[in-house]
């Protein structure tokens, strides 16, 4: 193995360990928040439970809220990436439609549809700090998507990003409401899919993606 390959492997190992540490801290924090409520748990307590320093926690999560809402960066990356990595000849909105349906089919946390998610949503609803961070996260996704749509040559990338994120958020929250009301996941998923289809059909009619 040459030195360059060894260096790449070492970097890959370090990155993998960093991801594992980040996930472990987030998982432990989530358990504590679920047991006692978000506002009742301190970062220092999370650090002790994870066996790391508070500084290490902040190295991975700039704010306490990010310990629980740890998928905001992933959401921004997925939405922008769907546009940037779309198939040849595929429109940005078609790529975004495909992404959102895949998230639903996988019961990904970012779809909002799944058996385990209602408890998560209740914790967010109960905390003003988490609700505020969630709104900021939506704005972060929108900014990232607007940048990708600008690169893709959309007619009005900022307006299209705002409309797309607003549409997805509306579908997402409707499904959350249904799950919190006790509706079955399968029925909620069917409604979610139909709402996504209607939303993207309406967005495509705007002609804003070029």
N, C-alpha and C. Protein backbone atom coordinates (compact mmCIF):
# COMPACT_ATOMS: atom_id res chain seq x y z
N UNK A 1 0.85 -1.19 0.00
CA UNK A 1 0.00 0.00 0.00
C UNK A 1 0.89 1.24 0.00
N UNK A 2 0.66 2.16 -0.94
CA UNK A 2 1.49 3.35 -0.99
C UNK A 2 1.08 4.34 0.10
N UNK A 3 1.92 5.36 0.30
CA UNK A 3 1.67 6.33 1.37
C UNK A 3 0.36 7.07 1.16
N UNK A 4 0.05 7.38 -0.12
CA UNK A 4 -1.18 8.12 -0.40
C UNK A 4 -2.40 7.30 -0.01
N UNK A 5 -2.38 6.00 -0.35
CA UNK A 5 -3.50 5.13 0.00
C UNK A 5 -3.62 5.00 1.52
N UNK A 6 -2.46 4.87 2.21
CA UNK A 6 -2.49 4.76 3.67
C UNK A 6 -3.08 6.02 4.28
N UNK A 7 -2.70 7.18 3.72
CA UNK A 7 -3.22 8.44 4.23
C UNK A 7 -4.73 8.52 4.04
N UNK A 8 -5.21 8.10 2.87
CA UNK A 8 -6.65 8.11 2.60
C UNK A 8 -7.39 7.19 3.57
N UNK A 9 -6.81 6.02 3.82
CA UNK A 9 -7.45 5.07 4.73
C UNK A 9 -7.51 5.61 6.15
N UNK A 10 -6.42 6.27 6.57
CA UNK A 10 -6.38 6.85 7.90
C UNK A 10 -7.41 7.97 8.03
N UNK A 11 -7.53 8.78 6.98
CA UNK A 11 -8.52 9.85 6.99
C UNK A 11 -9.93 9.27 7.06
N UNK A 12 -10.16 8.20 6.27
CA UNK A 12 -11.47 7.57 6.28
C UNK A 12 -11.79 7.01 7.66
N UNK A 13 -10.79 6.41 8.32
CA UNK A 13 -11.00 5.86 9.65
C UNK A 13 -11.31 6.97 10.65
N UNK A 14 -10.58 8.09 10.55
CA UNK A 14 -10.83 9.21 11.47
C UNK A 14 -12.24 9.77 11.26
N UNK A 15 -12.62 9.91 10.00
CA UNK A 15 -13.95 10.45 9.72
C UNK A 15 -15.03 9.51 10.22
N UNK A 16 -14.80 8.21 10.06
CA UNK A 16 -15.78 7.24 10.52
C UNK A 16 -15.91 7.29 12.04
N UNK A 17 -14.79 7.41 12.73
CA UNK A 17 -14.82 7.51 14.19
C UNK A 17 -15.52 8.79 14.64
N UNK A 18 -15.29 9.88 13.90
CA UNK A 18 -15.95 11.14 14.24
C UNK A 18 -17.46 11.02 14.06
N UNK A 19 -17.87 10.39 12.97
CA UNK A 19 -19.31 10.20 12.75
C UNK A 19 -19.92 9.33 13.84
N UNK A 20 -19.19 8.26 14.23
CA UNK A 20 -19.69 7.37 15.26
C UNK A 20 -19.80 8.09 16.60
N UNK A 21 -18.80 8.92 16.92
CA UNK A 21 -18.85 9.68 18.17
C UNK A 21 -20.00 10.66 18.16
N UNK A 22 -20.18 11.34 17.04
CA UNK A 22 -21.28 12.31 16.92
C UNK A 22 -22.62 11.62 17.11
N UNK A 23 -22.78 10.46 16.47
CA UNK A 23 -24.05 9.75 16.57
C UNK A 23 -24.27 9.23 17.99
N UNK A 24 -23.22 8.76 18.65
CA UNK A 24 -23.36 8.26 20.01
C UNK A 24 -23.78 9.37 20.96
N UNK A 25 -23.16 10.53 20.83
CA UNK A 25 -23.54 11.67 21.69
C UNK A 25 -25.00 12.04 21.44
N UNK A 26 -25.40 12.10 20.17
CA UNK A 26 -26.78 12.46 19.84
C UNK A 26 -27.76 11.43 20.37
N UNK A 27 -27.43 10.15 20.24
CA UNK A 27 -28.33 9.10 20.73
C UNK A 27 -28.51 9.17 22.24
N UNK A 28 -27.41 9.39 22.95
CA UNK A 28 -27.48 9.49 24.42
C UNK A 28 -28.29 10.71 24.83
N UNK A 29 -28.06 11.83 24.13
CA UNK A 29 -28.82 13.05 24.43
C UNK A 29 -30.31 12.82 24.19
N UNK A 30 -30.63 12.15 23.11
CA UNK A 30 -32.04 11.90 22.79
C UNK A 30 -32.73 11.09 23.87
N UNK A 31 -32.03 10.09 24.40
CA UNK A 31 -32.59 9.27 25.48
C UNK A 31 -32.85 10.14 26.72
N UNK A 32 -31.89 10.98 27.06
CA UNK A 32 -32.04 11.85 28.23
C UNK A 32 -33.19 12.84 28.03
N UNK A 33 -33.27 13.42 26.83
CA UNK A 33 -34.34 14.38 26.55
C UNK A 33 -35.70 13.68 26.61
N UNK A 34 -35.76 12.44 26.11
CA UNK A 34 -37.02 11.71 26.11
C UNK A 34 -37.46 11.37 27.54
N UNK A 35 -36.49 11.10 28.41
CA UNK A 35 -36.80 10.72 29.79
C UNK A 35 -37.20 11.92 30.64
N UNK A 36 -36.53 13.06 30.44
CA UNK A 36 -36.69 14.17 31.37
C UNK A 36 -37.18 15.46 30.73
N UNK A 37 -37.24 15.50 29.41
CA UNK A 37 -37.62 16.73 28.72
C UNK A 37 -36.39 17.50 28.30
N UNK A 38 -36.47 18.15 27.17
CA UNK A 38 -35.30 18.84 26.61
C UNK A 38 -34.75 19.90 27.55
N UNK A 39 -35.62 20.73 28.09
CA UNK A 39 -35.17 21.88 28.88
C UNK A 39 -34.60 21.47 30.24
N UNK A 40 -34.87 20.24 30.69
CA UNK A 40 -34.41 19.80 32.01
C UNK A 40 -33.03 19.17 31.97
N UNK A 41 -32.49 18.94 30.79
CA UNK A 41 -31.19 18.27 30.63
C UNK A 41 -30.15 19.29 30.18
N UNK A 42 -28.98 19.29 30.83
CA UNK A 42 -27.91 20.21 30.45
C UNK A 42 -26.91 19.52 29.53
N UNK A 43 -26.14 20.32 28.83
CA UNK A 43 -25.09 19.77 27.97
C UNK A 43 -24.06 19.03 28.81
N UNK A 44 -23.76 19.54 30.00
CA UNK A 44 -22.80 18.89 30.89
C UNK A 44 -23.27 17.47 31.25
N UNK A 45 -24.58 17.32 31.47
CA UNK A 45 -25.11 16.00 31.78
C UNK A 45 -25.00 15.06 30.59
N UNK A 46 -25.25 15.57 29.42
CA UNK A 46 -25.09 14.76 28.20
C UNK A 46 -23.64 14.33 28.06
N UNK A 47 -22.71 15.26 28.28
CA UNK A 47 -21.29 14.96 28.16
C UNK A 47 -20.88 13.86 29.13
N UNK A 48 -21.33 13.97 30.39
CA UNK A 48 -20.98 12.95 31.38
C UNK A 48 -21.53 11.59 30.98
N UNK A 49 -22.76 11.56 30.52
CA UNK A 49 -23.37 10.28 30.13
C UNK A 49 -22.66 9.66 28.92
N UNK A 50 -22.13 10.52 28.06
CA UNK A 50 -21.44 10.03 26.86
C UNK A 50 -19.96 9.76 27.10
N UNK A 51 -19.47 10.15 28.27
CA UNK A 51 -18.08 9.93 28.59
C UNK A 51 -17.13 10.85 27.85
N UNK A 52 -17.60 12.07 27.54
CA UNK A 52 -16.76 13.05 26.85
C UNK A 52 -16.86 14.38 27.59
N UNK A 53 -16.05 15.35 27.19
CA UNK A 53 -16.12 16.67 27.80
C UNK A 53 -17.23 17.49 27.15
N UNK A 54 -17.68 18.53 27.86
CA UNK A 54 -18.67 19.43 27.28
C UNK A 54 -18.12 20.09 26.03
N UNK A 55 -16.81 20.38 26.03
CA UNK A 55 -16.19 20.98 24.85
C UNK A 55 -16.29 20.05 23.64
N UNK A 56 -16.13 18.75 23.87
CA UNK A 56 -16.27 17.79 22.77
C UNK A 56 -17.69 17.81 22.22
N UNK A 57 -18.66 17.89 23.11
CA UNK A 57 -20.06 17.96 22.66
C UNK A 57 -20.25 19.17 21.76
N UNK A 58 -19.73 20.32 22.20
CA UNK A 58 -19.91 21.54 21.41
C UNK A 58 -19.09 21.51 20.12
N UNK A 59 -18.04 20.73 20.08
CA UNK A 59 -17.28 20.58 18.83
C UNK A 59 -18.14 19.92 17.75
N UNK A 60 -19.02 19.04 18.17
CA UNK A 60 -19.89 18.33 17.23
C UNK A 60 -21.23 19.04 17.05
N UNK A 61 -21.69 19.68 18.11
CA UNK A 61 -23.01 20.31 18.09
C UNK A 61 -22.89 21.73 18.64
N UNK A 62 -22.89 22.74 17.78
CA UNK A 62 -22.67 24.13 18.23
C UNK A 62 -23.67 24.60 19.29
N UNK A 63 -24.89 24.06 19.22
CA UNK A 63 -25.91 24.45 20.20
C UNK A 63 -26.57 23.22 20.78
N UNK A 64 -27.08 23.37 21.97
CA UNK A 64 -27.77 22.26 22.62
C UNK A 64 -28.89 21.71 21.73
N UNK A 65 -29.62 22.61 21.09
CA UNK A 65 -30.75 22.18 20.26
C UNK A 65 -30.30 21.24 19.13
N UNK A 66 -29.07 21.40 18.68
CA UNK A 66 -28.57 20.56 17.59
C UNK A 66 -28.33 19.12 18.02
N UNK A 67 -28.23 18.90 19.33
CA UNK A 67 -28.12 17.53 19.82
C UNK A 67 -29.37 16.73 19.49
N UNK A 68 -30.51 17.40 19.52
CA UNK A 68 -31.78 16.70 19.25
C UNK A 68 -32.17 16.84 17.78
N UNK A 69 -32.03 18.03 17.24
CA UNK A 69 -32.36 18.27 15.84
C UNK A 69 -31.07 18.12 15.02
N UNK A 70 -30.51 16.94 15.07
CA UNK A 70 -29.19 16.71 14.49
C UNK A 70 -29.23 16.42 12.99
N UNK A 71 -30.42 16.35 12.42
CA UNK A 71 -30.52 16.04 11.00
C UNK A 71 -30.70 17.27 10.11
N UNK A 72 -30.63 18.46 10.69
CA UNK A 72 -30.76 19.67 9.88
C UNK A 72 -29.68 19.74 8.79
N UNK A 73 -28.40 19.51 9.14
CA UNK A 73 -27.38 19.52 8.07
C UNK A 73 -27.65 18.47 6.99
N UNK A 74 -28.12 17.31 7.40
CA UNK A 74 -28.42 16.26 6.43
C UNK A 74 -29.56 16.69 5.50
N UNK A 75 -30.58 17.34 6.06
CA UNK A 75 -31.69 17.80 5.23
C UNK A 75 -31.22 18.80 4.19
N UNK A 76 -30.40 19.76 4.62
CA UNK A 76 -29.88 20.76 3.69
C UNK A 76 -29.05 20.09 2.59
N UNK A 77 -28.25 19.12 2.99
CA UNK A 77 -27.39 18.42 2.02
C UNK A 77 -28.21 17.59 1.04
N UNK A 78 -29.24 16.92 1.54
CA UNK A 78 -30.06 16.07 0.68
C UNK A 78 -30.83 16.89 -0.36
N UNK A 79 -31.42 17.99 0.06
CA UNK A 79 -32.23 18.77 -0.88
C UNK A 79 -31.35 19.45 -1.93
N UNK A 80 -30.24 20.03 -1.49
CA UNK A 80 -29.34 20.65 -2.46
C UNK A 80 -28.69 19.59 -3.33
N UNK A 81 -28.33 18.46 -2.73
CA UNK A 81 -27.69 17.39 -3.48
C UNK A 81 -28.60 16.78 -4.52
N UNK A 82 -29.90 16.71 -4.24
CA UNK A 82 -30.83 16.16 -5.22
C UNK A 82 -30.80 16.97 -6.51
N UNK A 83 -30.65 18.27 -6.38
CA UNK A 83 -30.59 19.15 -7.56
C UNK A 83 -29.23 19.03 -8.24
N UNK A 84 -28.17 19.07 -7.45
CA UNK A 84 -26.83 19.06 -8.03
C UNK A 84 -26.48 17.72 -8.68
N UNK A 85 -26.99 16.63 -8.12
CA UNK A 85 -26.63 15.30 -8.60
C UNK A 85 -27.73 14.65 -9.42
N UNK A 86 -28.65 15.43 -9.92
CA UNK A 86 -29.77 14.86 -10.66
C UNK A 86 -29.30 14.19 -11.95
N UNK A 87 -30.10 13.31 -12.45
CA UNK A 87 -29.76 12.57 -13.66
C UNK A 87 -29.75 13.49 -14.88
N UNK A 88 -28.97 13.14 -15.90
CA UNK A 88 -28.96 13.96 -17.12
C UNK A 88 -30.37 14.11 -17.70
N UNK A 89 -30.75 15.34 -17.98
CA UNK A 89 -32.07 15.60 -18.54
C UNK A 89 -33.18 15.68 -17.51
N UNK A 90 -32.87 15.42 -16.26
CA UNK A 90 -33.88 15.47 -15.21
C UNK A 90 -33.99 16.91 -14.69
N UNK A 91 -35.19 17.39 -14.52
CA UNK A 91 -35.38 18.74 -14.01
C UNK A 91 -35.13 18.78 -12.51
N UNK A 92 -34.79 19.94 -11.97
CA UNK A 92 -34.60 20.04 -10.52
C UNK A 92 -35.82 19.59 -9.72
N UNK A 93 -37.00 19.98 -10.15
CA UNK A 93 -38.19 19.59 -9.41
C UNK A 93 -38.46 18.09 -9.50
N UNK A 94 -38.16 17.49 -10.64
CA UNK A 94 -38.32 16.04 -10.76
C UNK A 94 -37.37 15.32 -9.81
N UNK A 95 -36.15 15.84 -9.69
CA UNK A 95 -35.18 15.25 -8.77
C UNK A 95 -35.62 15.40 -7.32
N UNK A 96 -36.19 16.55 -6.99
CA UNK A 96 -36.67 16.78 -5.63
C UNK A 96 -37.89 15.91 -5.32
N UNK A 97 -38.75 15.74 -6.30
CA UNK A 97 -39.91 14.85 -6.12
C UNK A 97 -39.42 13.44 -5.83
N UNK A 98 -38.44 13.00 -6.61
CA UNK A 98 -37.89 11.65 -6.43
C UNK A 98 -37.28 11.50 -5.04
N UNK A 99 -36.55 12.51 -4.59
CA UNK A 99 -35.96 12.47 -3.26
C UNK A 99 -37.02 12.34 -2.18
N UNK A 100 -38.04 13.18 -2.23
CA UNK A 100 -39.03 13.18 -1.15
C UNK A 100 -39.82 11.87 -1.11
N UNK A 101 -40.07 11.28 -2.27
CA UNK A 101 -40.76 9.99 -2.30
C UNK A 101 -39.86 8.89 -1.74
N UNK A 102 -38.56 8.98 -2.03
CA UNK A 102 -37.63 7.99 -1.47
C UNK A 102 -37.58 8.09 0.05
N UNK A 103 -37.54 9.31 0.57
CA UNK A 103 -37.54 9.49 2.02
C UNK A 103 -38.79 8.87 2.64
N UNK A 104 -39.92 9.05 1.98
CA UNK A 104 -41.16 8.46 2.48
C UNK A 104 -41.10 6.94 2.44
N UNK A 105 -40.66 6.39 1.31
CA UNK A 105 -40.60 4.93 1.17
C UNK A 105 -39.66 4.30 2.20
N UNK A 106 -38.59 5.02 2.54
CA UNK A 106 -37.63 4.51 3.51
C UNK A 106 -38.08 4.77 4.95
N UNK A 107 -39.17 5.49 5.12
CA UNK A 107 -39.61 5.94 6.46
C UNK A 107 -38.47 6.67 7.15
N UNK A 108 -37.78 7.47 6.36
CA UNK A 108 -36.67 8.26 6.87
C UNK A 108 -37.19 9.29 7.86
N UNK A 109 -36.43 9.62 8.91
CA UNK A 109 -36.89 10.64 9.86
C UNK A 109 -37.26 11.96 9.21
N UNK A 110 -36.59 12.31 8.10
CA UNK A 110 -36.90 13.57 7.44
C UNK A 110 -38.20 13.53 6.65
N UNK A 111 -38.80 12.35 6.54
CA UNK A 111 -40.12 12.27 5.92
C UNK A 111 -41.21 12.61 6.93
N UNK A 112 -40.90 12.41 8.21
CA UNK A 112 -41.89 12.66 9.25
C UNK A 112 -42.88 11.53 9.45
N UNK A 113 -42.77 10.47 8.67
CA UNK A 113 -43.73 9.37 8.73
C UNK A 113 -43.05 8.11 9.24
N UNK A 114 -43.49 7.61 10.38
CA UNK A 114 -42.91 6.40 10.94
C UNK A 114 -43.49 6.11 12.31
N UNK A 115 -43.38 4.86 12.71
CA UNK A 115 -43.96 4.43 13.99
C UNK A 115 -43.33 5.14 15.18
N UNK A 116 -42.03 5.44 15.11
CA UNK A 116 -41.30 5.92 16.28
C UNK A 116 -41.27 7.44 16.41
N UNK A 117 -41.83 8.14 15.44
CA UNK A 117 -41.60 9.59 15.39
C UNK A 117 -42.54 10.45 16.24
N UNK A 118 -43.76 10.01 16.56
CA UNK A 118 -44.64 10.89 17.36
C UNK A 118 -44.02 11.37 18.66
N UNK A 119 -43.30 10.49 19.36
CA UNK A 119 -42.69 10.92 20.63
C UNK A 119 -41.66 12.01 20.39
N UNK A 120 -40.91 11.88 19.32
CA UNK A 120 -39.93 12.91 18.94
C UNK A 120 -40.62 14.24 18.73
N UNK A 121 -41.72 14.23 18.00
CA UNK A 121 -42.44 15.47 17.71
C UNK A 121 -43.00 16.10 18.98
N UNK A 122 -43.44 15.28 19.91
CA UNK A 122 -43.97 15.83 21.16
C UNK A 122 -42.89 16.55 21.95
N UNK A 123 -41.68 16.03 21.92
CA UNK A 123 -40.57 16.69 22.61
C UNK A 123 -40.29 18.05 21.98
N UNK A 124 -40.31 18.10 20.65
CA UNK A 124 -40.08 19.36 19.94
C UNK A 124 -41.18 20.36 20.27
N UNK A 125 -42.41 19.93 20.21
CA UNK A 125 -43.54 20.81 20.47
C UNK A 125 -43.49 21.38 21.89
N UNK A 126 -42.99 20.58 22.83
CA UNK A 126 -42.97 21.01 24.22
C UNK A 126 -41.86 22.00 24.53
N UNK A 127 -40.92 22.21 23.60
CA UNK A 127 -39.78 23.09 23.87
C UNK A 127 -39.75 24.28 22.93
N UNK A 128 -39.92 25.49 23.43
CA UNK A 128 -39.81 26.68 22.58
C UNK A 128 -38.44 26.77 21.89
N UNK A 129 -37.40 26.36 22.59
CA UNK A 129 -36.06 26.42 22.01
C UNK A 129 -35.94 25.49 20.80
N UNK A 130 -36.50 24.30 20.91
CA UNK A 130 -36.45 23.36 19.79
C UNK A 130 -37.32 23.84 18.63
N UNK A 131 -38.47 24.40 18.94
CA UNK A 131 -39.33 24.90 17.87
C UNK A 131 -38.63 26.03 17.11
N UNK A 132 -37.95 26.89 17.84
CA UNK A 132 -37.23 28.00 17.21
C UNK A 132 -36.09 27.47 16.34
N UNK A 133 -35.36 26.47 16.84
CA UNK A 133 -34.25 25.90 16.06
C UNK A 133 -34.79 25.18 14.82
N UNK A 134 -35.93 24.55 14.94
CA UNK A 134 -36.51 23.87 13.79
C UNK A 134 -36.85 24.88 12.69
N UNK A 135 -37.38 26.04 13.08
CA UNK A 135 -37.68 27.07 12.08
C UNK A 135 -36.40 27.57 11.41
N UNK A 136 -35.34 27.72 12.19
CA UNK A 136 -34.07 28.12 11.61
C UNK A 136 -33.57 27.05 10.64
N UNK A 137 -33.79 25.79 11.00
CA UNK A 137 -33.36 24.70 10.13
C UNK A 137 -34.06 24.74 8.79
N UNK A 138 -35.33 25.07 8.79
CA UNK A 138 -36.07 25.20 7.54
C UNK A 138 -35.43 26.28 6.67
N UNK A 139 -35.03 27.38 7.29
CA UNK A 139 -34.39 28.46 6.54
C UNK A 139 -33.04 28.02 5.98
N UNK A 140 -32.31 27.20 6.72
CA UNK A 140 -31.03 26.70 6.25
C UNK A 140 -31.21 25.79 5.03
N UNK A 141 -32.22 24.95 5.08
CA UNK A 141 -32.51 24.08 3.93
C UNK A 141 -32.87 24.93 2.72
N UNK A 142 -33.67 25.95 2.95
CA UNK A 142 -34.09 26.82 1.85
C UNK A 142 -32.90 27.54 1.22
N UNK A 143 -31.99 28.05 2.03
CA UNK A 143 -30.82 28.75 1.49
C UNK A 143 -29.94 27.80 0.67
N UNK A 144 -29.73 26.60 1.19
CA UNK A 144 -28.92 25.63 0.45
C UNK A 144 -29.57 25.23 -0.85
N UNK A 145 -30.88 25.06 -0.83
CA UNK A 145 -31.60 24.69 -2.04
C UNK A 145 -31.56 25.81 -3.06
N UNK A 146 -31.70 27.05 -2.60
CA UNK A 146 -31.64 28.20 -3.51
C UNK A 146 -30.30 28.27 -4.21
N UNK A 147 -29.22 27.99 -3.48
CA UNK A 147 -27.88 28.00 -4.08
C UNK A 147 -27.77 26.94 -5.16
N UNK A 148 -28.29 25.74 -4.88
CA UNK A 148 -28.23 24.66 -5.87
C UNK A 148 -29.09 24.99 -7.08
N UNK A 149 -30.26 25.58 -6.87
CA UNK A 149 -31.13 25.94 -7.98
C UNK A 149 -30.53 27.07 -8.82
N UNK A 150 -29.78 27.95 -8.17
CA UNK A 150 -29.07 29.00 -8.92
C UNK A 150 -28.07 28.37 -9.87
N UNK A 151 -27.31 27.40 -9.37
CA UNK A 151 -26.34 26.70 -10.21
C UNK A 151 -27.03 25.95 -11.35
N UNK A 152 -28.24 25.47 -11.07
CA UNK A 152 -28.97 24.69 -12.07
C UNK A 152 -29.63 25.58 -13.13
N UNK A 153 -29.59 26.91 -12.94
CA UNK A 153 -30.17 27.83 -13.91
C UNK A 153 -31.66 28.02 -13.79
N UNK A 154 -32.20 27.84 -12.59
CA UNK A 154 -33.63 28.06 -12.40
C UNK A 154 -33.99 29.52 -12.69
N UNK A 155 -35.19 29.72 -13.18
CA UNK A 155 -35.64 31.07 -13.55
C UNK A 155 -35.62 32.02 -12.36
N UNK A 156 -36.15 31.57 -11.24
CA UNK A 156 -36.14 32.37 -10.01
C UNK A 156 -35.81 31.41 -8.87
N UNK A 157 -34.52 31.14 -8.65
CA UNK A 157 -34.13 30.09 -7.70
C UNK A 157 -34.58 30.34 -6.27
N UNK A 158 -34.55 31.60 -5.83
CA UNK A 158 -34.92 31.88 -4.45
C UNK A 158 -36.42 31.70 -4.22
N UNK A 159 -37.22 32.12 -5.18
CA UNK A 159 -38.66 31.92 -5.07
C UNK A 159 -38.99 30.44 -5.14
N UNK A 160 -38.35 29.73 -6.06
CA UNK A 160 -38.64 28.30 -6.19
C UNK A 160 -38.21 27.55 -4.94
N UNK A 161 -37.07 27.89 -4.38
CA UNK A 161 -36.63 27.24 -3.15
C UNK A 161 -37.63 27.49 -2.02
N UNK A 162 -38.08 28.74 -1.89
CA UNK A 162 -39.03 29.08 -0.84
C UNK A 162 -40.34 28.31 -1.00
N UNK A 163 -40.82 28.24 -2.23
CA UNK A 163 -42.08 27.53 -2.49
C UNK A 163 -41.94 26.03 -2.26
N UNK A 164 -40.81 25.47 -2.68
CA UNK A 164 -40.58 24.03 -2.53
C UNK A 164 -40.49 23.65 -1.06
N UNK A 165 -39.71 24.41 -0.31
CA UNK A 165 -39.55 24.11 1.12
C UNK A 165 -40.86 24.33 1.86
N UNK A 166 -41.60 25.37 1.51
CA UNK A 166 -42.89 25.61 2.15
C UNK A 166 -43.87 24.48 1.85
N UNK A 167 -43.86 24.02 0.61
CA UNK A 167 -44.76 22.92 0.24
C UNK A 167 -44.41 21.65 1.01
N UNK A 168 -43.11 21.35 1.08
CA UNK A 168 -42.70 20.14 1.78
C UNK A 168 -43.01 20.25 3.27
N UNK A 169 -42.76 21.41 3.83
CA UNK A 169 -43.05 21.63 5.25
C UNK A 169 -44.53 21.44 5.54
N UNK A 170 -45.38 21.92 4.63
CA UNK A 170 -46.83 21.79 4.81
C UNK A 170 -47.25 20.33 4.81
N UNK A 171 -46.71 19.56 3.85
CA UNK A 171 -47.02 18.13 3.79
C UNK A 171 -46.50 17.42 5.04
N UNK A 172 -45.27 17.75 5.41
CA UNK A 172 -44.63 17.15 6.59
C UNK A 172 -45.48 17.38 7.84
N UNK A 173 -45.86 18.63 8.08
CA UNK A 173 -46.61 18.97 9.29
C UNK A 173 -48.00 18.34 9.30
N UNK A 174 -48.61 18.21 8.12
CA UNK A 174 -49.92 17.56 8.05
C UNK A 174 -49.80 16.10 8.48
N UNK A 175 -48.72 15.45 8.06
CA UNK A 175 -48.51 14.05 8.45
C UNK A 175 -48.20 13.94 9.94
N UNK A 176 -47.43 14.88 10.45
CA UNK A 176 -47.14 14.90 11.89
C UNK A 176 -48.44 15.02 12.68
N UNK A 177 -49.31 15.92 12.26
CA UNK A 177 -50.59 16.10 12.95
C UNK A 177 -51.40 14.81 12.95
N UNK A 178 -51.39 14.11 11.81
CA UNK A 178 -52.15 12.86 11.73
C UNK A 178 -51.58 11.80 12.67
N UNK A 179 -50.26 11.69 12.70
CA UNK A 179 -49.64 10.70 13.58
C UNK A 179 -49.89 11.02 15.05
N UNK A 180 -49.81 12.29 15.39
CA UNK A 180 -50.06 12.69 16.77
C UNK A 180 -51.52 12.46 17.17
N UNK A 181 -52.39 12.49 16.18
CA UNK A 181 -53.80 12.22 16.45
C UNK A 181 -54.11 10.74 16.53
N UNK A 182 -53.09 9.91 16.26
CA UNK A 182 -53.27 8.46 16.36
C UNK A 182 -53.61 7.76 15.07
N UNK A 183 -53.53 8.44 13.94
CA UNK A 183 -53.82 7.79 12.66
C UNK A 183 -52.76 6.74 12.35
N UNK A 184 -53.14 5.64 11.71
CA UNK A 184 -52.17 4.60 11.36
C UNK A 184 -51.09 5.13 10.41
N UNK A 185 -49.89 4.60 10.55
CA UNK A 185 -48.78 5.04 9.72
C UNK A 185 -49.06 4.77 8.24
N UNK A 186 -49.65 3.63 7.91
CA UNK A 186 -49.90 3.29 6.51
C UNK A 186 -50.84 4.30 5.87
N UNK A 187 -51.91 4.67 6.58
CA UNK A 187 -52.85 5.65 6.04
C UNK A 187 -52.19 7.02 5.92
N UNK A 188 -51.41 7.37 6.91
CA UNK A 188 -50.70 8.65 6.88
C UNK A 188 -49.73 8.70 5.71
N UNK A 189 -49.06 7.59 5.45
CA UNK A 189 -48.11 7.52 4.34
C UNK A 189 -48.81 7.70 3.00
N UNK A 190 -49.99 7.10 2.86
CA UNK A 190 -50.74 7.25 1.60
C UNK A 190 -51.14 8.70 1.40
N UNK A 191 -51.61 9.34 2.45
CA UNK A 191 -51.98 10.75 2.36
C UNK A 191 -50.76 11.61 2.06
N UNK A 192 -49.64 11.29 2.71
CA UNK A 192 -48.39 12.01 2.50
C UNK A 192 -47.96 11.94 1.04
N UNK A 193 -48.03 10.76 0.46
CA UNK A 193 -47.65 10.57 -0.94
C UNK A 193 -48.56 11.38 -1.87
N UNK A 194 -49.84 11.35 -1.61
CA UNK A 194 -50.78 12.09 -2.45
C UNK A 194 -50.54 13.60 -2.35
N UNK A 195 -50.27 14.07 -1.15
CA UNK A 195 -50.00 15.50 -0.96
C UNK A 195 -48.70 15.92 -1.64
N UNK A 196 -47.67 15.06 -1.57
CA UNK A 196 -46.42 15.36 -2.26
C UNK A 196 -46.65 15.46 -3.77
N UNK A 197 -47.41 14.51 -4.31
CA UNK A 197 -47.68 14.52 -5.74
C UNK A 197 -48.39 15.81 -6.15
N UNK A 198 -49.38 16.20 -5.38
CA UNK A 198 -50.12 17.43 -5.70
C UNK A 198 -49.22 18.65 -5.58
N UNK A 199 -48.37 18.67 -4.55
CA UNK A 199 -47.49 19.82 -4.33
C UNK A 199 -46.50 19.97 -5.48
N UNK A 200 -45.87 18.87 -5.89
CA UNK A 200 -44.87 18.98 -6.96
C UNK A 200 -45.51 19.24 -8.31
N UNK A 201 -46.71 18.72 -8.52
CA UNK A 201 -47.41 19.04 -9.77
C UNK A 201 -47.69 20.55 -9.84
N UNK A 202 -48.10 21.12 -8.72
CA UNK A 202 -48.35 22.57 -8.68
C UNK A 202 -47.06 23.36 -8.88
N UNK A 203 -45.97 22.91 -8.26
CA UNK A 203 -44.69 23.60 -8.42
C UNK A 203 -44.19 23.54 -9.86
N UNK A 204 -44.37 22.40 -10.50
CA UNK A 204 -43.90 22.25 -11.88
C UNK A 204 -44.66 23.17 -12.82
N UNK A 205 -45.91 23.47 -12.50
CA UNK A 205 -46.70 24.35 -13.35
C UNK A 205 -46.21 25.79 -13.32
N UNK A 206 -45.44 26.14 -12.30
CA UNK A 206 -44.91 27.51 -12.22
C UNK A 206 -43.84 27.77 -13.28
N UNK A 207 -43.16 26.72 -13.72
CA UNK A 207 -42.10 26.87 -14.71
C UNK A 207 -40.87 27.55 -14.16
N UNK A 208 -40.72 27.60 -12.86
CA UNK A 208 -39.62 28.35 -12.24
C UNK A 208 -38.29 27.61 -12.25
N UNK A 209 -38.32 26.31 -12.58
CA UNK A 209 -37.04 25.59 -12.52
C UNK A 209 -36.31 25.59 -13.87
N UNK A 210 -36.74 26.46 -14.75
CA UNK A 210 -36.00 26.65 -16.01
C UNK A 210 -36.62 25.94 -17.18
